[in-house]
Amino acid sequence: MTPTLESVLADWRERASAARRARATPQADLIDEICADVARAAEDYLRFLSERDAQLRSAKGVRYLRSRFPEWEAQGNARRNAKGDREYRALVVPTRANIVAARERGRRGEHAA
């Protein structure tokens, strides 16, 4: 079975702790730094949003999110928390366009990247 990114990061953070206990501080610090960089790069994958936060991020209704929940859950991109509430990986939740910011960039003559 392929390990999840969360479990790989947890395992390596534990290895860093073990290295620190063995007084291998430079190696432990390097492992921690790499884990932090990977976690930052994969933030939208690692972060789960509540259903309400997913609605705010996407401007989609609860019906939209719930209709996709089974598929996303099967893919590992949605889950139920301990209370049974639905949660969605930020990665799969569409992001609402920031119209105000786009208009301001246009007024300043900036182009989309």
PDB file of N, CA and C in Angstrom:
ATOM      1  N   MET A   1       0.836  -1.185   0.000  1.00  0.00           N
ATOM      2  CA  MET A   1       0.000   0.000   0.000  1.00  0.00           C
ATOM      3  C   MET A   1       0.884   1.253   0.000  1.00  0.00           C
ATOM      4  N   THR A   2       0.549   2.190  -0.834  1.00  0.00           N
ATOM      5  CA  THR A   2       1.305   3.425  -0.934  1.00  0.00           C
ATOM      6  C   THR A   2       0.996   4.322   0.265  1.00  0.00           C
ATOM      7  N   PRO A   3       2.030   4.821   0.929  1.00  0.00           N
ATOM      8  CA  PRO A   3       1.774   5.697   2.081  1.00  0.00           C
ATOM      9  C   PRO A   3       1.231   7.052   1.624  1.00  0.00           C
ATOM     10  N   THR A   4       0.493   7.699   2.490  1.00  0.00           N
ATOM     11  CA  THR A   4      -0.026   9.032   2.186  1.00  0.00           C
ATOM     12  C   THR A   4       1.059  10.069   2.466  1.00  0.00           C
ATOM     13  N   LEU A   5       0.904  11.228   1.887  1.00  0.00           N
ATOM     14  CA  LEU A   5       1.850  12.310   2.137  1.00  0.00           C
ATOM     15  C   LEU A   5       1.856  12.661   3.625  1.00  0.00           C
ATOM     16  N   GLU A   6       0.680  12.668   4.239  1.00  0.00           N
ATOM     17  CA  GLU A   6       0.598  12.980   5.667  1.00  0.00           C
ATOM     18  C   GLU A   6       1.422  11.989   6.491  1.00  0.00           C
ATOM     19  N   SER A   7       1.321  10.691   6.150  1.00  0.00           N
ATOM     20  CA  SER A   7       2.059   9.690   6.929  1.00  0.00           C
ATOM     21  C   SER A   7       3.563   9.765   6.661  1.00  0.00           C
ATOM     22  N   VAL A   8       3.953  10.077   5.434  1.00  0.00           N
ATOM     23  CA  VAL A   8       5.378  10.226   5.122  1.00  0.00           C
ATOM     24  C   VAL A   8       5.960  11.396   5.915  1.00  0.00           C
ATOM     25  N   LEU A   9       5.260  12.521   5.922  1.00  0.00           N
ATOM     26  CA  LEU A   9       5.750  13.677   6.684  1.00  0.00           C
ATOM     27  C   LEU A   9       5.812  13.364   8.180  1.00  0.00           C
ATOM     28  N   ALA A  10       4.803  12.686   8.705  1.00  0.00           N
ATOM     29  CA  ALA A  10       4.796  12.324  10.128  1.00  0.00           C
ATOM     30  C   ALA A  10       5.960  11.385  10.453  1.00  0.00           C
ATOM     31  N   ASP A  11       6.206  10.416   9.584  1.00  0.00           N
ATOM     32  CA  ASP A  11       7.321   9.477   9.810  1.00  0.00           C
ATOM     33  C   ASP A  11       8.660  10.203   9.816  1.00  0.00           C
ATOM     34  N   TRP A  12       8.857  11.099   8.856  1.00  0.00           N
ATOM     35  CA  TRP A  12      10.131  11.819   8.801  1.00  0.00           C
ATOM     36  C   TRP A  12      10.280  12.809   9.952  1.00  0.00           C
ATOM     37  N   ARG A  13       9.190  13.389  10.399  1.00  0.00           N
ATOM     38  CA  ARG A  13       9.271  14.264  11.579  1.00  0.00           C
ATOM     39  C   ARG A  13       9.635  13.455  12.820  1.00  0.00           C
ATOM     40  N   GLU A  14       9.129  12.233  12.902  1.00  0.00           N
ATOM     41  CA  GLU A  14       9.513  11.348  14.012  1.00  0.00           C
ATOM     42  C   GLU A  14      10.984  10.983  13.920  1.00  0.00           C
ATOM     43  N   ARG A  15      11.471  10.759  12.707  1.00  0.00           N
ATOM     44  CA  ARG A  15      12.904  10.473  12.525  1.00  0.00           C
ATOM     45  C   ARG A  15      13.746  11.675  12.955  1.00  0.00           C
ATOM     46  N   ALA A  16      13.250  12.862  12.670  1.00  0.00           N
ATOM     47  CA  ALA A  16      13.965  14.058  13.107  1.00  0.00           C
ATOM     48  C   ALA A  16      14.013  14.123  14.629  1.00  0.00           C
ATOM     49  N   SER A  17      12.915  13.789  15.275  1.00  0.00           N
ATOM     50  CA  SER A  17      12.887  13.778  16.739  1.00  0.00           C
ATOM     51  C   SER A  17      13.874  12.746  17.291  1.00  0.00           C
ATOM     52  N   ALA A  18      13.906  11.579  16.663  1.00  0.00           N
ATOM     53  CA  ALA A  18      14.841  10.538  17.094  1.00  0.00           C
ATOM     54  C   ALA A  18      16.280  11.000  16.896  1.00  0.00           C
ATOM     55  N   ALA A  19      16.555  11.654  15.784  1.00  0.00           N
ATOM     56  CA  ALA A  19      17.904  12.170  15.531  1.00  0.00           C
ATOM     57  C   ALA A  19      18.269  13.233  16.566  1.00  0.00           C
ATOM     58  N   ARG A  20      17.319  14.050  16.923  1.00  0.00           N
ATOM     59  CA  ARG A  20      17.566  15.090  17.926  1.00  0.00           C
ATOM     60  C   ARG A  20      17.868  14.451  19.292  1.00  0.00           C
ATOM     61  N   ARG A  21      17.135  13.391  19.645  1.00  0.00           N
ATOM     62  CA  ARG A  21      17.394  12.696  20.908  1.00  0.00           C
ATOM     63  C   ARG A  21      18.781  12.041  20.905  1.00  0.00           C
ATOM     64  N   ALA A  22      19.233  11.641  19.706  1.00  0.00           N
ATOM     65  CA  ALA A  22      20.560  11.037  19.575  1.00  0.00           C
ATOM     66  C   ALA A  22      21.637  12.103  19.394  1.00  0.00           C
ATOM     67  N   ARG A  23      21.251  13.345  19.603  1.00  0.00           N
ATOM     68  CA  ARG A  23      22.161  14.499  19.505  1.00  0.00           C
ATOM     69  C   ARG A  23      22.723  14.707  18.089  1.00  0.00           C
ATOM     70  N   ALA A  24      21.961  14.310  17.091  1.00  0.00           N
ATOM     71  CA  ALA A  24      22.322  14.554  15.693  1.00  0.00           C
ATOM     72  C   ALA A  24      21.519  15.765  15.223  1.00  0.00           C
ATOM     73  N   THR A  25      21.741  16.880  15.869  1.00  0.00           N
ATOM     74  CA  THR A  25      20.939  18.081  15.646  1.00  0.00           C
ATOM     75  C   THR A  25      20.995  18.604  14.207  1.00  0.00           C
ATOM     76  N   PRO A  26      22.160  18.662  13.563  1.00  0.00           N
ATOM     77  CA  PRO A  26      22.164  19.175  12.176  1.00  0.00           C
ATOM     78  C   PRO A  26      21.286  18.338  11.237  1.00  0.00           C
ATOM     79  N   GLN A  27      21.338  17.029  11.387  1.00  0.00           N
ATOM     80  CA  GLN A  27      20.511  16.162  10.546  1.00  0.00           C
ATOM     81  C   GLN A  27      19.030  16.356  10.870  1.00  0.00           C
ATOM     82  N   ALA A  28      18.719  16.450  12.154  1.00  0.00           N
ATOM     83  CA  ALA A  28      17.332  16.668  12.573  1.00  0.00           C
ATOM     84  C   ALA A  28      16.805  17.990  12.025  1.00  0.00           C
ATOM     85  N   ASP A  29      17.620  19.027  12.089  1.00  0.00           N
ATOM     86  CA  ASP A  29      17.204  20.333  11.576  1.00  0.00           C
ATOM     87  C   ASP A  29      16.967  20.282  10.070  1.00  0.00           C
ATOM     88  N   LEU A  30      17.830  19.560   9.344  1.00  0.00           N
ATOM     89  CA  LEU A  30      17.666  19.429   7.895  1.00  0.00           C
ATOM     90  C   LEU A  30      16.372  18.685   7.566  1.00  0.00           C
ATOM     91  N   ILE A  31      16.094  17.595   8.276  1.00  0.00           N
ATOM     92  CA  ILE A  31      14.855  16.845   8.052  1.00  0.00           C
ATOM     93  C   ILE A  31      13.644  17.737   8.320  1.00  0.00           C
ATOM     94  N   ASP A  32      13.678  18.479   9.423  1.00  0.00           N
ATOM     95  CA  ASP A  32      12.567  19.388   9.745  1.00  0.00           C
ATOM     96  C   ASP A  32      12.374  20.444   8.665  1.00  0.00           C
ATOM     97  N   GLU A  33      13.470  20.987   8.165  1.00  0.00           N
ATOM     98  CA  GLU A  33      13.397  22.014   7.120  1.00  0.00           C
ATOM     99  C   GLU A  33      12.796  21.453   5.827  1.00  0.00           C
ATOM    100  N   ILE A  34      13.213  20.262   5.446  1.00  0.00           N
ATOM    101  CA  ILE A  34      12.669  19.632   4.243  1.00  0.00           C
ATOM    102  C   ILE A  34      11.183  19.346   4.419  1.00  0.00           C
ATOM    103  N   CYS A  35      10.805  18.808   5.574  1.00  0.00           N
ATOM    104  CA  CYS A  35       9.382  18.523   5.841  1.00  0.00           C
ATOM    105  C   CYS A  35       8.552  19.804   5.789  1.00  0.00           C
ATOM    106  N   ALA A  36       9.074  20.883   6.345  1.00  0.00           N
ATOM    107  CA  ALA A  36       8.346  22.154   6.327  1.00  0.00           C
ATOM    108  C   ALA A  36       8.189  22.676   4.900  1.00  0.00           C
ATOM    109  N   ASP A  37       9.243  22.558   4.087  1.00  0.00           N
ATOM    110  CA  ASP A  37       9.172  22.998   2.688  1.00  0.00           C
ATOM    111  C   ASP A  37       8.138  22.184   1.910  1.00  0.00           C
ATOM    112  N   VAL A  38       8.140  20.877   2.102  1.00  0.00           N
ATOM    113  CA  VAL A  38       7.181  20.017   1.407  1.00  0.00           C
ATOM    114  C   VAL A  38       5.759  20.355   1.855  1.00  0.00           C
ATOM    115  N   ALA A  39       5.560  20.539   3.151  1.00  0.00           N
ATOM    116  CA  ALA A  39       4.227  20.865   3.672  1.00  0.00           C
ATOM    117  C   ALA A  39       3.726  22.197   3.107  1.00  0.00           C
ATOM    118  N   ARG A  40       4.614  23.182   2.997  1.00  0.00           N
ATOM    119  CA  ARG A  40       4.215  24.481   2.409  1.00  0.00           C
ATOM    120  C   ARG A  40       3.855  24.318   0.935  1.00  0.00           C
ATOM    121  N   ALA A  41       4.652  23.543   0.215  1.00  0.00           N
ATOM    122  CA  ALA A  41       4.402  23.350  -1.217  1.00  0.00           C
ATOM    123  C   ALA A  41       3.100  22.583  -1.465  1.00  0.00           C
ATOM    124  N   ALA A  42       2.731  21.735  -0.523  1.00  0.00           N
ATOM    125  CA  ALA A  42       1.537  20.898  -0.684  1.00  0.00           C
ATOM    126  C   ALA A  42       0.386  21.372   0.199  1.00  0.00           C
ATOM    127  N   GLU A  43       0.396  22.631   0.581  1.00  0.00           N
ATOM    128  CA  GLU A  43      -0.596  23.151   1.529  1.00  0.00           C
ATOM    129  C   GLU A  43      -2.035  22.864   1.099  1.00  0.00           C
ATOM    130  N   ASP A  44      -2.371  23.133  -0.151  1.00  0.00           N
ATOM    131  CA  ASP A  44      -3.753  22.907  -0.603  1.00  0.00           C
ATOM    132  C   ASP A  44      -4.120  21.428  -0.628  1.00  0.00           C
ATOM    133  N   TYR A  45      -3.131  20.559  -0.739  1.00  0.00           N
ATOM    134  CA  TYR A  45      -3.405  19.132  -0.677  1.00  0.00           C
ATOM    135  C   TYR A  45      -3.594  18.672   0.770  1.00  0.00           C
ATOM    136  N   LEU A  46      -2.804  19.185   1.663  1.00  0.00           N
ATOM    137  CA  LEU A  46      -2.831  18.739   3.052  1.00  0.00           C
ATOM    138  C   LEU A  46      -3.980  19.341   3.859  1.00  0.00           C
ATOM    139  N   ARG A  47      -4.461  20.510   3.443  1.00  0.00           N
ATOM    140  CA  ARG A  47      -5.473  21.223   4.238  1.00  0.00           C
ATOM    141  C   ARG A  47      -6.886  20.791   3.844  1.00  0.00           C
ATOM    142  N   PHE A  48      -7.657  20.420   4.850  1.00  0.00           N
ATOM    143  CA  PHE A  48      -9.067  20.095   4.652  1.00  0.00           C
ATOM    144  C   PHE A  48      -9.906  21.284   5.103  1.00  0.00           C
ATOM    145  N   LEU A  49     -10.938  21.596   4.325  1.00  0.00           N
ATOM    146  CA  LEU A  49     -11.852  22.702   4.638  1.00  0.00           C
ATOM    147  C   LEU A  49     -13.171  22.140   5.137  1.00  0.00           C
ATOM    148  N   SER A  50     -13.757  22.841   6.092  1.00  0.00           N
ATOM    149  CA  SER A  50     -15.114  22.481   6.496  1.00  0.00           C
ATOM    150  C   SER A  50     -16.037  22.742   5.311  1.00  0.00           C
ATOM    151  N   GLU A  51     -17.231  22.197   5.375  1.00  0.00           N
ATOM    152  CA  GLU A  51     -18.174  22.410   4.280  1.00  0.00           C
ATOM    153  C   GLU A  51     -18.474  23.896   4.108  1.00  0.00           C
ATOM    154  N   ARG A  52     -18.622  24.603   5.208  1.00  0.00           N
ATOM    155  CA  ARG A  52     -18.901  26.051   5.133  1.00  0.00           C
ATOM    156  C   ARG A  52     -17.725  26.802   4.501  1.00  0.00           C
ATOM    157  N   ASP A  53     -16.503  26.474   4.912  1.00  0.00           N
ATOM    158  CA  ASP A  53     -15.334  27.131   4.321  1.00  0.00           C
ATOM    159  C   ASP A  53     -15.189  26.794   2.842  1.00  0.00           C
ATOM    160  N   ALA A  54     -15.528  25.572   2.474  1.00  0.00           N
ATOM    161  CA  ALA A  54     -15.494  25.187   1.058  1.00  0.00           C
ATOM    162  C   ALA A  54     -16.505  26.003   0.266  1.00  0.00           C
ATOM    163  N   GLN A  55     -17.677  26.252   0.846  1.00  0.00           N
ATOM    164  CA  GLN A  55     -18.681  27.092   0.176  1.00  0.00           C
ATOM    165  C   GLN A  55     -18.157  28.503  -0.016  1.00  0.00           C
ATOM    166  N   LEU A  56     -17.529  29.053   1.009  1.00  0.00           N
ATOM    167  CA  LEU A  56     -17.005  30.418   0.914  1.00  0.00           C
ATOM    168  C   LEU A  56     -15.877  30.516  -0.104  1.00  0.00           C
ATOM    169  N   ARG A  57     -15.015  29.515  -0.130  1.00  0.00           N
ATOM    170  CA  ARG A  57     -13.883  29.519  -1.068  1.00  0.00           C
ATOM    171  C   ARG A  57     -14.368  29.443  -2.509  1.00  0.00           C
ATOM    172  N   SER A  58     -15.429  28.663  -2.735  1.00  0.00           N
ATOM    173  CA  SER A  58     -15.829  28.361  -4.100  1.00  0.00           C
ATOM    174  C   SER A  58     -17.031  29.134  -4.615  1.00  0.00           C
ATOM    175  N   ALA A  59     -17.824  29.701  -3.714  1.00  0.00           N
ATOM    176  CA  ALA A  59     -19.105  30.330  -4.076  1.00  0.00           C
ATOM    177  C   ALA A  59     -20.074  29.286  -4.637  1.00  0.00           C
ATOM    178  N   LYS A  60     -19.826  28.019  -4.336  1.00  0.00           N
ATOM    179  CA  LYS A  60     -20.723  26.932  -4.745  1.00  0.00           C
ATOM    180  C   LYS A  60     -21.601  26.589  -3.556  1.00  0.00           C
ATOM    181  N   GLY A  61     -22.786  26.107  -3.842  1.00  0.00           N
ATOM    182  CA  GLY A  61     -23.717  25.744  -2.789  1.00  0.00           C
ATOM    183  C   GLY A  61     -23.417  24.377  -2.200  1.00  0.00           C
ATOM    184  N   VAL A  62     -24.094  24.092  -1.104  1.00  0.00           N
ATOM    185  CA  VAL A  62     -23.921  22.826  -0.417  1.00  0.00           C
ATOM    186  C   VAL A  62     -24.315  21.660  -1.323  1.00  0.00           C
ATOM    187  N   ARG A  63     -25.312  21.840  -2.180  1.00  0.00           N
ATOM    188  CA  ARG A  63     -25.725  20.765  -3.099  1.00  0.00           C
ATOM    189  C   ARG A  63     -24.583  20.379  -4.044  1.00  0.00           C
ATOM    190  N   TYR A  64     -23.870  21.374  -4.547  1.00  0.00           N
ATOM    191  CA  TYR A  64     -22.730  21.118  -5.433  1.00  0.00           C
ATOM    192  C   TYR A  64     -21.682  20.285  -4.698  1.00  0.00           C
ATOM    193  N   LEU A  65     -21.292  20.728  -3.510  1.00  0.00           N
ATOM    194  CA  LEU A  65     -20.255  20.034  -2.765  1.00  0.00           C
ATOM    195  C   LEU A  65     -20.687  18.620  -2.396  1.00  0.00           C
ATOM    196  N   ARG A  66     -21.904  18.488  -1.916  1.00  0.00           N
ATOM    197  CA  ARG A  66     -22.369  17.166  -1.487  1.00  0.00           C
ATOM    198  C   ARG A  66     -22.532  16.215  -2.667  1.00  0.00           C
ATOM    199  N   SER A  67     -22.855  16.744  -3.842  1.00  0.00           N
ATOM    200  CA  SER A  67     -22.992  15.869  -5.013  1.00  0.00           C
ATOM    201  C   SER A  67     -21.632  15.297  -5.429  1.00  0.00           C
ATOM    202  N   ARG A  68     -20.567  15.993  -5.118  1.00  0.00           N
ATOM    203  CA  ARG A  68     -19.225  15.531  -5.471  1.00  0.00           C
ATOM    204  C   ARG A  68     -18.536  14.782  -4.333  1.00  0.00           C
ATOM    205  N   PHE A  69     -19.104  14.874  -3.144  1.00  0.00           N
ATOM    206  CA  PHE A  69     -18.482  14.271  -1.965  1.00  0.00           C
ATOM    207  C   PHE A  69     -18.141  12.788  -2.155  1.00  0.00           C
ATOM    208  N   PRO A  70     -19.065  11.935  -2.628  1.00  0.00           N
ATOM    209  CA  PRO A  70     -18.723  10.502  -2.746  1.00  0.00           C
ATOM    210  C   PRO A  70     -17.507  10.242  -3.643  1.00  0.00           C
ATOM    211  N   GLU A  71     -17.453  10.915  -4.775  1.00  0.00           N
ATOM    212  CA  GLU A  71     -16.319  10.736  -5.689  1.00  0.00           C
ATOM    213  C   GLU A  71     -15.028  11.231  -5.044  1.00  0.00           C
ATOM    214  N   TRP A  72     -15.070  12.428  -4.462  1.00  0.00           N
ATOM    215  CA  TRP A  72     -13.881  12.982  -3.819  1.00  0.00           C
ATOM    216  C   TRP A  72     -13.447  12.134  -2.634  1.00  0.00           C
ATOM    217  N   GLU A  73     -14.415  11.610  -1.894  1.00  0.00           N
ATOM    218  CA  GLU A  73     -14.079  10.757  -0.752  1.00  0.00           C
ATOM    219  C   GLU A  73     -13.374   9.488  -1.233  1.00  0.00           C
ATOM    220  N   ALA A  74     -13.862   8.892  -2.310  1.00  0.00           N
ATOM    221  CA  ALA A  74     -13.243   7.685  -2.866  1.00  0.00           C
ATOM    222  C   ALA A  74     -11.810   7.957  -3.323  1.00  0.00           C
ATOM    223  N   GLN A  75     -11.543   9.177  -3.740  1.00  0.00           N
ATOM    224  CA  GLN A  75     -10.204   9.568  -4.199  1.00  0.00           C
ATOM    225  C   GLN A  75      -9.302  10.008  -3.045  1.00  0.00           C
ATOM    226  N   GLY A  76      -9.859  10.104  -1.837  1.00  0.00           N
ATOM    227  CA  GLY A  76      -9.083  10.577  -0.688  1.00  0.00           C
ATOM    228  C   GLY A  76      -9.076  12.087  -0.551  1.00  0.00           C
ATOM    229  N   ASN A  77      -9.959  12.758  -1.291  1.00  0.00           N
ATOM    230  CA  ASN A  77      -9.989  14.223  -1.287  1.00  0.00           C
ATOM    231  C   ASN A  77     -11.133  14.804  -0.471  1.00  0.00           C
ATOM    232  N   ALA A  78     -11.881  13.961   0.190  1.00  0.00           N
ATOM    233  CA  ALA A  78     -12.947  14.400   1.084  1.00  0.00           C
ATOM    234  C   ALA A  78     -13.071  13.349   2.179  1.00  0.00           C
ATOM    235  N   ARG A  79     -13.591  13.770   3.305  1.00  0.00           N
ATOM    236  CA  ARG A  79     -13.733  12.851   4.437  1.00  0.00           C
ATOM    237  C   ARG A  79     -14.791  13.379   5.384  1.00  0.00           C
ATOM    238  N   ARG A  80     -15.111  12.560   6.352  1.00  0.00           N
ATOM    239  CA  ARG A  80     -15.946  12.991   7.465  1.00  0.00           C
ATOM    240  C   ARG A  80     -15.046  13.091   8.692  1.00  0.00           C
ATOM    241  N   ASN A  81     -15.191  14.181   9.439  1.00  0.00           N
ATOM    242  CA  ASN A  81     -14.384  14.333  10.643  1.00  0.00           C
ATOM    243  C   ASN A  81     -14.988  13.516  11.783  1.00  0.00           C
ATOM    244  N   ALA A  82     -14.420  13.636  12.963  1.00  0.00           N
ATOM    245  CA  ALA A  82     -14.867  12.838  14.114  1.00  0.00           C
ATOM    246  C   ALA A  82     -16.330  13.090  14.464  1.00  0.00           C
ATOM    247  N   LYS A  83     -16.819  14.287  14.164  1.00  0.00           N
ATOM    248  CA  LYS A  83     -18.228  14.609  14.447  1.00  0.00           C
ATOM    249  C   LYS A  83     -19.149  14.197  13.309  1.00  0.00           C
ATOM    250  N   GLY A  84     -18.590  13.686  12.227  1.00  0.00           N
ATOM    251  CA  GLY A  84     -19.400  13.259  11.090  1.00  0.00           C
ATOM    252  C   GLY A  84     -19.634  14.347  10.055  1.00  0.00           C
ATOM    253  N   ASP A  85     -19.035  15.510  10.245  1.00  0.00           N
ATOM    254  CA  ASP A  85     -19.186  16.612   9.290  1.00  0.00           C
ATOM    255  C   ASP A  85     -18.293  16.377   8.076  1.00  0.00           C
ATOM    256  N   ARG A  86     -18.771  16.809   6.921  1.00  0.00           N
ATOM    257  CA  ARG A  86     -17.997  16.661   5.690  1.00  0.00           C
ATOM    258  C   ARG A  86     -16.863  17.679   5.661  1.00  0.00           C
ATOM    259  N   GLU A  87     -15.716  17.224   5.144  1.00  0.00           N
ATOM    260  CA  GLU A  87     -14.561  18.093   4.924  1.00  0.00           C
ATOM    261  C   GLU A  87     -13.996  17.790   3.539  1.00  0.00           C
ATOM    262  N   TYR A  88     -13.416  18.807   2.916  1.00  0.00           N
ATOM    263  CA  TYR A  88     -12.927  18.705   1.539  1.00  0.00           C
ATOM    264  C   TYR A  88     -11.492  19.213   1.470  1.00  0.00           C
ATOM    265  N   ARG A  89     -10.643  18.481   0.721  1.00  0.00           N
ATOM    266  CA  ARG A  89      -9.285  19.003   0.510  1.00  0.00           C
ATOM    267  C   ARG A  89      -9.397  20.318  -0.249  1.00  0.00           C
ATOM    268  N   ALA A  90      -8.625  21.296   0.165  1.00  0.00           N
ATOM    269  CA  ALA A  90      -8.647  22.588  -0.506  1.00  0.00           C
ATOM    270  C   ALA A  90      -8.305  22.436  -1.984  1.00  0.00           C
ATOM    271  N   LEU A  91      -7.501  21.461  -2.305  1.00  0.00           N
ATOM    272  CA  LEU A  91      -7.055  21.223  -3.682  1.00  0.00           C
ATOM    273  C   LEU A  91      -8.202  20.984  -4.648  1.00  0.00           C
ATOM    274  N   VAL A  92      -9.283  20.319  -4.217  1.00  0.00           N
ATOM    275  CA  VAL A  92     -10.365  19.979  -5.137  1.00  0.00           C
ATOM    276  C   VAL A  92     -11.500  21.000  -5.134  1.00  0.00           C
ATOM    277  N   VAL A  93     -11.487  21.904  -4.177  1.00  0.00           N
ATOM    278  CA  VAL A  93     -12.560  22.900  -4.092  1.00  0.00           C
ATOM    279  C   VAL A  93     -12.222  24.048  -5.038  1.00  0.00           C
ATOM    280  N   PRO A  94     -13.101  24.336  -6.007  1.00  0.00           N
ATOM    281  CA  PRO A  94     -12.828  25.445  -6.929  1.00  0.00           C
ATOM    282  C   PRO A  94     -12.660  26.757  -6.156  1.00  0.00           C
ATOM    283  N   THR A  95     -11.824  27.616  -6.675  1.00  0.00           N
ATOM    284  CA  THR A  95     -11.591  28.910  -6.035  1.00  0.00           C
ATOM    285  C   THR A  95     -12.369  29.975  -6.775  1.00  0.00           C
ATOM    286  N   ARG A  96     -13.132  30.727  -6.019  1.00  0.00           N
ATOM    287  CA  ARG A  96     -13.915  31.829  -6.576  1.00  0.00           C
ATOM    288  C   ARG A  96     -12.966  32.886  -7.121  1.00  0.00           C
ATOM    289  N   ALA A  97     -13.313  33.444  -8.251  1.00  0.00           N
ATOM    290  CA  ALA A  97     -12.513  34.520  -8.837  1.00  0.00           C
ATOM    291  C   ALA A  97     -12.627  35.770  -7.979  1.00  0.00           C
ATOM    292  N   ASN A  98     -11.510  36.451  -7.796  1.00  0.00           N
ATOM    293  CA  ASN A  98     -11.502  37.700  -7.041  1.00  0.00           C
ATOM    294  C   ASN A  98     -11.690  38.835  -8.048  1.00  0.00           C
ATOM    295  N   ILE A  99     -12.944  39.158  -8.314  1.00  0.00           N
ATOM    296  CA  ILE A  99     -13.289  40.147  -9.343  1.00  0.00           C
ATOM    297  C   ILE A  99     -12.752  41.527  -8.992  1.00  0.00           C
ATOM    298  N   VAL A 100     -12.832  41.903  -7.734  1.00  0.00           N
ATOM    299  CA  VAL A 100     -12.371  43.236  -7.310  1.00  0.00           C
ATOM    300  C   VAL A 100     -10.878  43.374  -7.566  1.00  0.00           C
ATOM    301  N   ALA A 101     -10.093  42.370  -7.182  1.00  0.00           N
ATOM    302  CA  ALA A 101      -8.650  42.432  -7.392  1.00  0.00           C
ATOM    303  C   ALA A 101      -8.315  42.451  -8.881  1.00  0.00           C
ATOM    304  N   ALA A 102      -9.037  41.668  -9.675  1.00  0.00           N
ATOM    305  CA  ALA A 102      -8.797  41.640 -11.120  1.00  0.00           C
ATOM    306  C   ALA A 102      -9.100  43.001 -11.741  1.00  0.00           C
ATOM    307  N   ARG A 103     -10.175  43.633 -11.305  1.00  0.00           N
ATOM    308  CA  ARG A 103     -10.538  44.952 -11.822  1.00  0.00           C
ATOM    309  C   ARG A 103      -9.449  45.972 -11.480  1.00  0.00           C
ATOM    310  N   GLU A 104      -8.944  45.910 -10.257  1.00  0.00           N
ATOM    311  CA  GLU A 104      -7.888  46.843  -9.850  1.00  0.00           C
ATOM    312  C   GLU A 104      -6.606  46.631 -10.657  1.00  0.00           C
ATOM    313  N   ARG A 105      -6.249  45.363 -10.892  1.00  0.00           N
ATOM    314  CA  ARG A 105      -5.070  45.094 -11.729  1.00  0.00           C
ATOM    315  C   ARG A 105      -5.269  45.646 -13.114  1.00  0.00           C
ATOM    316  N   GLY A 106      -6.467  45.511 -13.662  1.00  0.00           N
ATOM    317  CA  GLY A 106      -6.772  46.041 -14.985  1.00  0.00           C
ATOM    318  C   GLY A 106      -6.663  47.559 -15.022  1.00  0.00           C
ATOM    319  N   ARG A 107      -7.150  48.220 -14.004  1.00  0.00           N
ATOM    320  CA  ARG A 107      -7.036  49.690 -13.933  1.00  0.00           C
ATOM    321  C   ARG A 107      -5.585  50.150 -13.899  1.00  0.00           C
ATOM    322  N   ARG A 108      -4.750  49.330 -13.266  1.00  0.00           N
ATOM    323  CA  ARG A 108      -3.328  49.676 -13.191  1.00  0.00           C
ATOM    324  C   ARG A 108      -2.576  49.259 -14.442  1.00  0.00           C
ATOM    325  N   GLY A 109      -3.254  48.600 -15.376  1.00  0.00           N
ATOM    326  CA  GLY A 109      -2.616  48.184 -16.620  1.00  0.00           C
ATOM    327  C   GLY A 109      -1.833  46.894 -16.499  1.00  0.00           C
ATOM    328  N   GLU A 110      -2.046  46.150 -15.415  1.00  0.00           N
ATOM    329  CA  GLU A 110      -1.339  44.876 -15.235  1.00  0.00           C
ATOM    330  C   GLU A 110      -2.047  43.786 -16.025  1.00  0.00           C
ATOM    331  N   HIS A 111      -1.293  42.787 -16.385  1.00  0.00           N
ATOM    332  CA  HIS A 111      -1.841  41.645 -17.121  1.00  0.00           C
ATOM    333  C   HIS A 111      -1.819  40.421 -16.214  1.00  0.00           C
ATOM    334  N   ALA A 112      -2.707  39.489 -16.475  1.00  0.00           N
ATOM    335  CA  ALA A 112      -2.739  38.231 -15.713  1.00  0.00           C
ATOM    336  C   ALA A 112      -1.449  37.469 -15.955  1.00  0.00           C
ATOM    337  N   ALA A 113      -0.967  36.830 -14.906  1.00  0.00           N
ATOM    338  CA  ALA A 113       0.289  36.084 -15.020  1.00  0.00           C
ATOM    339  C   ALA A 113       0.063  34.760 -15.704  1.00  0.00           C
TER     340      ALA A 113
END
